[in-house]
Amino acid sequence: MLDVAKIAYVEALDRKTFVYTGEDVYESKLKLYEMEERLCQSGFLRISKSCLVNLKYIKSIRNEVERKLRLTLKNGERIIASRQYADEIKKRLGVM
């Protein structure tokens, strides 16, 4: 069991799902869509086909080429949000 508030983001890679906190990485048996169903009420948002992010962990956003967004998290990590999800991210963060 992991405290949801400590999760920065969740990523699917090579048919596996990984949960990232500020310091550690955990593998989950759940699929990404199952994690999304469980975490959407806790402030998580899908930012690409393979990634969910905890909106509370986003420190800054920056526009990239082709309408993508670069999200910098509070732990300094940077992840790219696809253009398909860019408008929803901006809306949820109140920057649109």
PDB file of N, CA and C in Angstrom:
ATOM      1  N   MET A   1       0.841  -1.178   0.000  1.00  0.00           N
ATOM      2  CA  MET A   1       0.000   0.000   0.000  1.00  0.00           C
ATOM      3  C   MET A   1       0.889   1.245   0.000  1.00  0.00           C
ATOM      4  N   LEU A   2       0.473   2.211  -0.798  1.00  0.00           N
ATOM      5  CA  LEU A   2       1.232   3.442  -0.942  1.00  0.00           C
ATOM      6  C   LEU A   2       0.282   4.611  -0.777  1.00  0.00           C
ATOM      7  N   ASP A   3       0.702   5.618  -0.043  1.00  0.00           N
ATOM      8  CA  ASP A   3      -0.106   6.809   0.156  1.00  0.00           C
ATOM      9  C   ASP A   3      -0.234   7.551  -1.181  1.00  0.00           C
ATOM     10  N   VAL A   4      -1.459   7.753  -1.624  1.00  0.00           N
ATOM     11  CA  VAL A   4      -1.724   8.398  -2.918  1.00  0.00           C
ATOM     12  C   VAL A   4      -1.108   9.793  -2.969  1.00  0.00           C
ATOM     13  N   ALA A   5      -1.085  10.498  -1.870  1.00  0.00           N
ATOM     14  CA  ALA A   5      -0.536  11.853  -1.840  1.00  0.00           C
ATOM     15  C   ALA A   5       0.961  11.882  -2.145  1.00  0.00           C
ATOM     16  N   LYS A   6       1.654  10.767  -2.000  1.00  0.00           N
ATOM     17  CA  LYS A   6       3.093  10.709  -2.262  1.00  0.00           C
ATOM     18  C   LYS A   6       3.419  10.369  -3.707  1.00  0.00           C
ATOM     19  N   ILE A   7       2.425   9.982  -4.496  1.00  0.00           N
ATOM     20  CA  ILE A   7       2.656   9.596  -5.887  1.00  0.00           C
ATOM     21  C   ILE A   7       2.773  10.843  -6.756  1.00  0.00           C
ATOM     22  N   ALA A   8       3.866  10.959  -7.485  1.00  0.00           N
ATOM     23  CA  ALA A   8       4.073  12.079  -8.402  1.00  0.00           C
ATOM     24  C   ALA A   8       3.465  11.774  -9.764  1.00  0.00           C
ATOM     25  N   TYR A   9       3.747  10.578 -10.281  1.00  0.00           N
ATOM     26  CA  TYR A   9       3.152  10.175 -11.553  1.00  0.00           C
ATOM     27  C   TYR A   9       3.206   8.668 -11.707  1.00  0.00           C
ATOM     28  N   VAL A  10       2.446   8.185 -12.698  1.00  0.00           N
ATOM     29  CA  VAL A  10       2.356   6.763 -13.004  1.00  0.00           C
ATOM     30  C   VAL A  10       2.629   6.623 -14.496  1.00  0.00           C
ATOM     31  N   GLU A  11       3.464   5.642 -14.846  1.00  0.00           N
ATOM     32  CA  GLU A  11       3.847   5.482 -16.247  1.00  0.00           C
ATOM     33  C   GLU A  11       3.802   4.018 -16.655  1.00  0.00           C
ATOM     34  N   ALA A  12       3.346   3.766 -17.868  1.00  0.00           N
ATOM     35  CA  ALA A  12       3.331   2.422 -18.432  1.00  0.00           C
ATOM     36  C   ALA A  12       4.497   2.300 -19.418  1.00  0.00           C
ATOM     37  N   LEU A  13       5.329   1.292 -19.190  1.00  0.00           N
ATOM     38  CA  LEU A  13       6.476   1.026 -20.058  1.00  0.00           C
ATOM     39  C   LEU A  13       6.598  -0.477 -20.266  1.00  0.00           C
ATOM     40  N   ASP A  14       6.710  -0.896 -21.510  1.00  0.00           N
ATOM     41  CA  ASP A  14       6.907  -2.310 -21.826  1.00  0.00           C
ATOM     42  C   ASP A  14       5.894  -3.217 -21.130  1.00  0.00           C
ATOM     43  N   ARG A  15       4.629  -2.848 -21.210  1.00  0.00           N
ATOM     44  CA  ARG A  15       3.524  -3.627 -20.627  1.00  0.00           C
ATOM     45  C   ARG A  15       3.581  -3.756 -19.110  1.00  0.00           C
ATOM     46  N   LYS A  16       4.321  -2.859 -18.471  1.00  0.00           N
ATOM     47  CA  LYS A  16       4.387  -2.815 -17.017  1.00  0.00           C
ATOM     48  C   LYS A  16       3.999  -1.416 -16.569  1.00  0.00           C
ATOM     49  N   THR A  17       3.478  -1.312 -15.357  1.00  0.00           N
ATOM     50  CA  THR A  17       3.071  -0.022 -14.815  1.00  0.00           C
ATOM     51  C   THR A  17       3.966   0.321 -13.636  1.00  0.00           C
ATOM     52  N   PHE A  18       4.521   1.531 -13.675  1.00  0.00           N
ATOM     53  CA  PHE A  18       5.426   1.986 -12.627  1.00  0.00           C
ATOM     54  C   PHE A  18       4.838   3.209 -11.934  1.00  0.00           C
ATOM     55  N   VAL A  19       4.973   3.242 -10.626  1.00  0.00           N
ATOM     56  CA  VAL A  19       4.480   4.336  -9.800  1.00  0.00           C
ATOM     57  C   VAL A  19       5.697   5.067  -9.243  1.00  0.00           C
ATOM     58  N   TYR A  20       5.769   6.375  -9.497  1.00  0.00           N
ATOM     59  CA  TYR A  20       6.915   7.174  -9.085  1.00  0.00           C
ATOM     60  C   TYR A  20       6.517   8.118  -7.953  1.00  0.00           C
ATOM     61  N   THR A  21       7.284   8.072  -6.872  1.00  0.00           N
ATOM     62  CA  THR A  21       7.123   9.046  -5.798  1.00  0.00           C
ATOM     63  C   THR A  21       8.281  10.022  -5.940  1.00  0.00           C
ATOM     64  N   GLY A  22       8.437  10.910  -5.004  1.00  0.00           N
ATOM     65  CA  GLY A  22       9.559  11.840  -5.060  1.00  0.00           C
ATOM     66  C   GLY A  22      10.907  11.150  -4.991  1.00  0.00           C
ATOM     67  N   GLU A  23      10.974   9.987  -4.331  1.00  0.00           N
ATOM     68  CA  GLU A  23      12.247   9.320  -4.121  1.00  0.00           C
ATOM     69  C   GLU A  23      12.332   7.911  -4.711  1.00  0.00           C
ATOM     70  N   ASP A  24      11.227   7.216  -4.824  1.00  0.00           N
ATOM     71  CA  ASP A  24      11.249   5.802  -5.176  1.00  0.00           C
ATOM     72  C   ASP A  24      10.389   5.480  -6.397  1.00  0.00           C
ATOM     73  N   VAL A  25      10.617   4.276  -6.938  1.00  0.00           N
ATOM     74  CA  VAL A  25       9.826   3.759  -8.059  1.00  0.00           C
ATOM     75  C   VAL A  25       9.301   2.388  -7.647  1.00  0.00           C
ATOM     76  N   TYR A  26       8.013   2.157  -7.897  1.00  0.00           N
ATOM     77  CA  TYR A  26       7.378   0.888  -7.563  1.00  0.00           C
ATOM     78  C   TYR A  26       6.705   0.330  -8.812  1.00  0.00           C
ATOM     79  N   GLU A  27       6.692  -0.965  -8.934  1.00  0.00           N
ATOM     80  CA  GLU A  27       5.966  -1.604 -10.029  1.00  0.00           C
ATOM     81  C   GLU A  27       4.591  -2.015  -9.512  1.00  0.00           C
ATOM     82  N   SER A  28       3.566  -1.790 -10.325  1.00  0.00           N
ATOM     83  CA  SER A  28       2.197  -2.141  -9.953  1.00  0.00           C
ATOM     84  C   SER A  28       1.694  -3.244 -10.870  1.00  0.00           C
ATOM     85  N   LYS A  29       0.838  -4.085 -10.338  1.00  0.00           N
ATOM     86  CA  LYS A  29       0.222  -5.134 -11.146  1.00  0.00           C
ATOM     87  C   LYS A  29      -0.968  -4.599 -11.942  1.00  0.00           C
ATOM     88  N   LEU A  30      -1.421  -3.399 -11.594  1.00  0.00           N
ATOM     89  CA  LEU A  30      -2.565  -2.804 -12.295  1.00  0.00           C
ATOM     90  C   LEU A  30      -2.128  -2.225 -13.637  1.00  0.00           C
ATOM     91  N   LYS A  31      -3.044  -2.208 -14.574  1.00  0.00           N
ATOM     92  CA  LYS A  31      -2.806  -1.566 -15.863  1.00  0.00           C
ATOM     93  C   LYS A  31      -3.023  -0.057 -15.694  1.00  0.00           C
ATOM     94  N   LEU A  32      -2.512   0.729 -16.646  1.00  0.00           N
ATOM     95  CA  LEU A  32      -2.596   2.177 -16.521  1.00  0.00           C
ATOM     96  C   LEU A  32      -4.040   2.655 -16.439  1.00  0.00           C
ATOM     97  N   TYR A  33      -4.930   2.087 -17.238  1.00  0.00           N
ATOM     98  CA  TYR A  33      -6.325   2.525 -17.202  1.00  0.00           C
ATOM     99  C   TYR A  33      -6.976   2.194 -15.861  1.00  0.00           C
ATOM    100  N   GLU A  34      -6.543   1.101 -15.224  1.00  0.00           N
ATOM    101  CA  GLU A  34      -7.063   0.756 -13.903  1.00  0.00           C
ATOM    102  C   GLU A  34      -6.561   1.749 -12.854  1.00  0.00           C
ATOM    103  N   MET A  35      -5.312   2.147 -12.979  1.00  0.00           N
ATOM    104  CA  MET A  35      -4.759   3.162 -12.077  1.00  0.00           C
ATOM    105  C   MET A  35      -5.494   4.489 -12.280  1.00  0.00           C
ATOM    106  N   GLU A  36      -5.784   4.819 -13.530  1.00  0.00           N
ATOM    107  CA  GLU A  36      -6.491   6.061 -13.823  1.00  0.00           C
ATOM    108  C   GLU A  36      -7.867   6.066 -13.165  1.00  0.00           C
ATOM    109  N   GLU A  37      -8.588   4.958 -13.271  1.00  0.00           N
ATOM    110  CA  GLU A  37      -9.907   4.860 -12.649  1.00  0.00           C
ATOM    111  C   GLU A  37      -9.829   5.075 -11.143  1.00  0.00           C
ATOM    112  N   ARG A  38      -8.804   4.549 -10.515  1.00  0.00           N
ATOM    113  CA  ARG A  38      -8.657   4.649  -9.065  1.00  0.00           C
ATOM    114  C   ARG A  38      -8.150   6.016  -8.614  1.00  0.00           C
ATOM    115  N   LEU A  39      -7.345   6.670  -9.452  1.00  0.00           N
ATOM    116  CA  LEU A  39      -6.686   7.900  -9.030  1.00  0.00           C
ATOM    117  C   LEU A  39      -7.322   9.188  -9.536  1.00  0.00           C
ATOM    118  N   CYS A  40      -8.252   9.104 -10.483  1.00  0.00           N
ATOM    119  CA  CYS A  40      -8.805  10.327 -11.079  1.00  0.00           C
ATOM    120  C   CYS A  40      -9.501  11.214 -10.051  1.00  0.00           C
ATOM    121  N   GLN A  41     -10.073  10.640  -9.016  1.00  0.00           N
ATOM    122  CA  GLN A  41     -10.740  11.429  -7.975  1.00  0.00           C
ATOM    123  C   GLN A  41      -9.742  12.025  -6.986  1.00  0.00           C
ATOM    124  N   SER A  42      -8.479  11.661  -7.107  1.00  0.00           N
ATOM    125  CA  SER A  42      -7.443  12.142  -6.187  1.00  0.00           C
ATOM    126  C   SER A  42      -6.532  13.180  -6.830  1.00  0.00           C
ATOM    127  N   GLY A  43      -6.965  13.795  -7.923  1.00  0.00           N
ATOM    128  CA  GLY A  43      -6.189  14.856  -8.544  1.00  0.00           C
ATOM    129  C   GLY A  43      -5.193  14.405  -9.597  1.00  0.00           C
ATOM    130  N   PHE A  44      -5.380  13.214 -10.152  1.00  0.00           N
ATOM    131  CA  PHE A  44      -4.510  12.725 -11.212  1.00  0.00           C
ATOM    132  C   PHE A  44      -5.170  12.947 -12.561  1.00  0.00           C
ATOM    133  N   LEU A  45      -4.350  13.154 -13.559  1.00  0.00           N
ATOM    134  CA  LEU A  45      -4.843  13.423 -14.906  1.00  0.00           C
ATOM    135  C   LEU A  45      -3.931  12.730 -15.908  1.00  0.00           C
ATOM    136  N   ARG A  46      -4.539  12.144 -16.930  1.00  0.00           N
ATOM    137  CA  ARG A  46      -3.745  11.528 -17.998  1.00  0.00           C
ATOM    138  C   ARG A  46      -3.130  12.644 -18.826  1.00  0.00           C
ATOM    139  N   ILE A  47      -1.822  12.500 -19.115  1.00  0.00           N
ATOM    140  CA  ILE A  47      -1.127  13.512 -19.904  1.00  0.00           C
ATOM    141  C   ILE A  47      -0.584  12.955 -21.218  1.00  0.00           C
ATOM    142  N   SER A  48      -0.671  11.635 -21.365  1.00  0.00           N
ATOM    143  CA  SER A  48      -0.259  10.977 -22.607  1.00  0.00           C
ATOM    144  C   SER A  48      -0.830   9.568 -22.589  1.00  0.00           C
ATOM    145  N   LYS A  49      -0.617   8.828 -23.652  1.00  0.00           N
ATOM    146  CA  LYS A  49      -1.111   7.446 -23.706  1.00  0.00           C
ATOM    147  C   LYS A  49      -0.524   6.591 -22.593  1.00  0.00           C
ATOM    148  N   SER A  50       0.657   6.953 -22.122  1.00  0.00           N
ATOM    149  CA  SER A  50       1.354   6.093 -21.177  1.00  0.00           C
ATOM    150  C   SER A  50       1.618   6.717 -19.813  1.00  0.00           C
ATOM    151  N   CYS A  51       0.989   7.860 -19.506  1.00  0.00           N
ATOM    152  CA  CYS A  51       1.354   8.534 -18.265  1.00  0.00           C
ATOM    153  C   CYS A  51       0.185   9.276 -17.621  1.00  0.00           C
ATOM    154  N   LEU A  52       0.117   9.157 -16.288  1.00  0.00           N
ATOM    155  CA  LEU A  52      -0.800   9.942 -15.447  1.00  0.00           C
ATOM    156  C   LEU A  52       0.068  10.785 -14.534  1.00  0.00           C
ATOM    157  N   VAL A  53      -0.382  11.996 -14.224  1.00  0.00           N
ATOM    158  CA  VAL A  53       0.390  12.845 -13.320  1.00  0.00           C
ATOM    159  C   VAL A  53      -0.500  13.371 -12.201  1.00  0.00           C
ATOM    160  N   ASN A  54       0.098  13.517 -11.025  1.00  0.00           N
ATOM    161  CA  ASN A  54      -0.581  14.121  -9.891  1.00  0.00           C
ATOM    162  C   ASN A  54      -0.475  15.631 -10.082  1.00  0.00           C
ATOM    163  N   LEU A  55      -1.590  16.310 -10.273  1.00  0.00           N
ATOM    164  CA  LEU A  55      -1.578  17.747 -10.555  1.00  0.00           C
ATOM    165  C   LEU A  55      -0.917  18.545  -9.436  1.00  0.00           C
ATOM    166  N   LYS A  56      -0.948  18.036  -8.223  1.00  0.00           N
ATOM    167  CA  LYS A  56      -0.338  18.737  -7.085  1.00  0.00           C
ATOM    168  C   LYS A  56       1.188  18.724  -7.159  1.00  0.00           C
ATOM    169  N   TYR A  57       1.750  17.835  -7.957  1.00  0.00           N
ATOM    170  CA  TYR A  57       3.205  17.736  -8.082  1.00  0.00           C
ATOM    171  C   TYR A  57       3.762  18.592  -9.208  1.00  0.00           C
ATOM    172  N   ILE A  58       2.922  19.220  -9.999  1.00  0.00           N
ATOM    173  CA  ILE A  58       3.403  20.033 -11.112  1.00  0.00           C
ATOM    174  C   ILE A  58       3.892  21.379 -10.585  1.00  0.00           C
ATOM    175  N   LYS A  59       5.143  21.666 -10.852  1.00  0.00           N
ATOM    176  CA  LYS A  59       5.748  22.928 -10.424  1.00  0.00           C
ATOM    177  C   LYS A  59       5.574  23.998 -11.503  1.00  0.00           C
ATOM    178  N   SER A  60       5.776  23.601 -12.771  1.00  0.00           N
ATOM    179  CA  SER A  60       5.626  24.553 -13.872  1.00  0.00           C
ATOM    180  C   SER A  60       5.304  23.817 -15.167  1.00  0.00           C
ATOM    181  N   ILE A  61       4.730  24.562 -16.113  1.00  0.00           N
ATOM    182  CA  ILE A  61       4.467  24.009 -17.444  1.00  0.00           C
ATOM    183  C   ILE A  61       5.057  24.958 -18.472  1.00  0.00           C
ATOM    184  N   ARG A  62       5.496  24.375 -19.565  1.00  0.00           N
ATOM    185  CA  ARG A  62       6.088  25.172 -20.634  1.00  0.00           C
ATOM    186  C   ARG A  62       5.639  24.595 -21.969  1.00  0.00           C
ATOM    187  N   ASN A  63       5.325  25.481 -22.904  1.00  0.00           N
ATOM    188  CA  ASN A  63       4.940  25.033 -24.237  1.00  0.00           C
ATOM    189  C   ASN A  63       6.146  24.466 -24.971  1.00  0.00           C
ATOM    190  N   GLU A  64       5.911  23.387 -25.682  1.00  0.00           N
ATOM    191  CA  GLU A  64       6.926  22.754 -26.518  1.00  0.00           C
ATOM    192  C   GLU A  64       6.449  22.828 -27.968  1.00  0.00           C
ATOM    193  N   VAL A  65       7.229  22.305 -28.891  1.00  0.00           N
ATOM    194  CA  VAL A  65       6.836  22.279 -30.292  1.00  0.00           C
ATOM    195  C   VAL A  65       5.628  21.376 -30.483  1.00  0.00           C
ATOM    196  N   GLU A  66       4.867  21.649 -31.518  1.00  0.00           N
ATOM    197  CA  GLU A  66       3.679  20.878 -31.893  1.00  0.00           C
ATOM    198  C   GLU A  66       2.643  20.787 -30.772  1.00  0.00           C
ATOM    199  N   ARG A  67       2.491  21.872 -30.011  1.00  0.00           N
ATOM    200  CA  ARG A  67       1.475  22.003 -28.958  1.00  0.00           C
ATOM    201  C   ARG A  67       1.643  21.037 -27.790  1.00  0.00           C
ATOM    202  N   LYS A  68       2.782  20.432 -27.656  1.00  0.00           N
ATOM    203  CA  LYS A  68       3.049  19.591 -26.488  1.00  0.00           C
ATOM    204  C   LYS A  68       3.412  20.494 -25.316  1.00  0.00           C
ATOM    205  N   LEU A  69       3.356  19.934 -24.113  1.00  0.00           N
ATOM    206  CA  LEU A  69       3.734  20.677 -22.919  1.00  0.00           C
ATOM    207  C   LEU A  69       4.855  19.950 -22.195  1.00  0.00           C
ATOM    208  N   ARG A  70       5.776  20.702 -21.635  1.00  0.00           N
ATOM    209  CA  ARG A  70       6.813  20.124 -20.769  1.00  0.00           C
ATOM    210  C   ARG A  70       6.415  20.454 -19.337  1.00  0.00           C
ATOM    211  N   LEU A  71       6.188  19.436 -18.542  1.00  0.00           N
ATOM    212  CA  LEU A  71       5.814  19.611 -17.149  1.00  0.00           C
ATOM    213  C   LEU A  71       7.051  19.387 -16.291  1.00  0.00           C
ATOM    214  N   THR A  72       7.329  20.335 -15.426  1.00  0.00           N
ATOM    215  CA  THR A  72       8.403  20.167 -14.454  1.00  0.00           C
ATOM    216  C   THR A  72       7.738  19.871 -13.122  1.00  0.00           C
ATOM    217  N   LEU A  73       8.132  18.769 -12.518  1.00  0.00           N
ATOM    218  CA  LEU A  73       7.553  18.367 -11.249  1.00  0.00           C
ATOM    219  C   LEU A  73       8.346  18.952 -10.092  1.00  0.00           C
ATOM    220  N   LYS A  74       7.771  18.906  -8.908  1.00  0.00           N
ATOM    221  CA  LYS A  74       8.407  19.480  -7.725  1.00  0.00           C
ATOM    222  C   LYS A  74       9.744  18.825  -7.395  1.00  0.00           C
ATOM    223  N   ASN A  75       9.943  17.585  -7.835  1.00  0.00           N
ATOM    224  CA  ASN A  75      11.219  16.913  -7.578  1.00  0.00           C
ATOM    225  C   ASN A  75      12.254  17.208  -8.671  1.00  0.00           C
ATOM    226  N   GLY A  76      11.903  18.100  -9.624  1.00  0.00           N
ATOM    227  CA  GLY A  76      12.818  18.493 -10.686  1.00  0.00           C
ATOM    228  C   GLY A  76      12.712  17.664 -11.957  1.00  0.00           C
ATOM    229  N   GLU A  77      11.979  16.586 -11.895  1.00  0.00           N
ATOM    230  CA  GLU A  77      11.824  15.727 -13.065  1.00  0.00           C
ATOM    231  C   GLU A  77      10.957  16.424 -14.118  1.00  0.00           C
ATOM    232  N   ARG A  78      11.274  16.191 -15.384  1.00  0.00           N
ATOM    233  CA  ARG A  78      10.509  16.787 -16.486  1.00  0.00           C
ATOM    234  C   ARG A  78       9.881  15.677 -17.307  1.00  0.00           C
ATOM    235  N   ILE A  79       8.604  15.850 -17.613  1.00  0.00           N
ATOM    236  CA  ILE A  79       7.904  14.890 -18.454  1.00  0.00           C
ATOM    237  C   ILE A  79       7.123  15.654 -19.522  1.00  0.00           C
ATOM    238  N   ILE A  80       6.921  15.019 -20.644  1.00  0.00           N
ATOM    239  CA  ILE A  80       6.228  15.645 -21.772  1.00  0.00           C
ATOM    240  C   ILE A  80       4.776  15.191 -21.808  1.00  0.00           C
ATOM    241  N   ALA A  81       3.889  16.160 -21.945  1.00  0.00           N
ATOM    242  CA  ALA A  81       2.463  15.888 -22.108  1.00  0.00           C
ATOM    243  C   ALA A  81       2.128  16.032 -23.587  1.00  0.00           C
ATOM    244  N   SER A  82       1.388  15.081 -24.117  1.00  0.00           N
ATOM    245  CA  SER A  82       1.059  15.131 -25.541  1.00  0.00           C
ATOM    246  C   SER A  82       0.028  16.212 -25.818  1.00  0.00           C
ATOM    247  N   ARG A  83      -0.003  16.665 -27.047  1.00  0.00           N
ATOM    248  CA  ARG A  83      -0.908  17.757 -27.428  1.00  0.00           C
ATOM    249  C   ARG A  83      -2.369  17.370 -27.267  1.00  0.00           C
ATOM    250  N   GLN A  84      -2.676  16.088 -27.367  1.00  0.00           N
ATOM    251  CA  GLN A  84      -4.048  15.617 -27.211  1.00  0.00           C
ATOM    252  C   GLN A  84      -4.602  15.976 -25.828  1.00  0.00           C
ATOM    253  N   TYR A  85      -3.749  16.028 -24.815  1.00  0.00           N
ATOM    254  CA  TYR A  85      -4.171  16.284 -23.447  1.00  0.00           C
ATOM    255  C   TYR A  85      -3.820  17.695 -22.971  1.00  0.00           C
ATOM    256  N   ALA A  86      -3.145  18.484 -23.788  1.00  0.00           N
ATOM    257  CA  ALA A  86      -2.639  19.798 -23.383  1.00  0.00           C
ATOM    258  C   ALA A  86      -3.743  20.748 -22.917  1.00  0.00           C
ATOM    259  N   ASP A  87      -4.828  20.836 -23.657  1.00  0.00           N
ATOM    260  CA  ASP A  87      -5.896  21.760 -23.276  1.00  0.00           C
ATOM    261  C   ASP A  87      -6.526  21.391 -21.942  1.00  0.00           C
ATOM    262  N   GLU A  88      -6.726  20.107 -21.696  1.00  0.00           N
ATOM    263  CA  GLU A  88      -7.316  19.662 -20.429  1.00  0.00           C
ATOM    264  C   GLU A  88      -6.371  19.944 -19.260  1.00  0.00           C
ATOM    265  N   ILE A  89      -5.092  19.776 -19.470  1.00  0.00           N
ATOM    266  CA  ILE A  89      -4.109  20.066 -18.423  1.00  0.00           C
ATOM    267  C   ILE A  89      -4.163  21.546 -18.063  1.00  0.00           C
ATOM    268  N   LYS A  90      -4.116  22.392 -19.081  1.00  0.00           N
ATOM    269  CA  LYS A  90      -4.165  23.840 -18.836  1.00  0.00           C
ATOM    270  C   LYS A  90      -5.456  24.238 -18.136  1.00  0.00           C
ATOM    271  N   LYS A  91      -6.553  23.638 -18.558  1.00  0.00           N
ATOM    272  CA  LYS A  91      -7.859  23.928 -17.939  1.00  0.00           C
ATOM    273  C   LYS A  91      -7.863  23.524 -16.471  1.00  0.00           C
ATOM    274  N   ARG A  92      -7.385  22.327 -16.173  1.00  0.00           N
ATOM    275  CA  ARG A  92      -7.375  21.838 -14.792  1.00  0.00           C
ATOM    276  C   ARG A  92      -6.444  22.634 -13.889  1.00  0.00           C
ATOM    277  N   LEU A  93      -5.365  23.183 -14.476  1.00  0.00           N
ATOM    278  CA  LEU A  93      -4.418  23.987 -13.701  1.00  0.00           C
ATOM    279  C   LEU A  93      -4.831  25.460 -13.659  1.00  0.00           C
ATOM    280  N   GLY A  94      -5.875  25.815 -14.410  1.00  0.00           N
ATOM    281  CA  GLY A  94      -6.366  27.197 -14.407  1.00  0.00           C
ATOM    282  C   GLY A  94      -5.486  28.177 -15.162  1.00  0.00           C
ATOM    283  N   VAL A  95      -4.778  27.715 -16.178  1.00  0.00           N
ATOM    284  CA  VAL A  95      -3.915  28.595 -16.969  1.00  0.00           C
ATOM    285  C   VAL A  95      -4.422  28.786 -18.393  1.00  0.00           C
ATOM    286  N   MET A  96      -5.647  28.429 -18.633  1.00  0.00           N
ATOM    287  CA  MET A  96      -6.203  28.558 -19.995  1.00  0.00           C
ATOM    288  C   MET A  96      -7.180  29.690 -20.046  1.00  0.00           C
TER     289      MET A  96
END
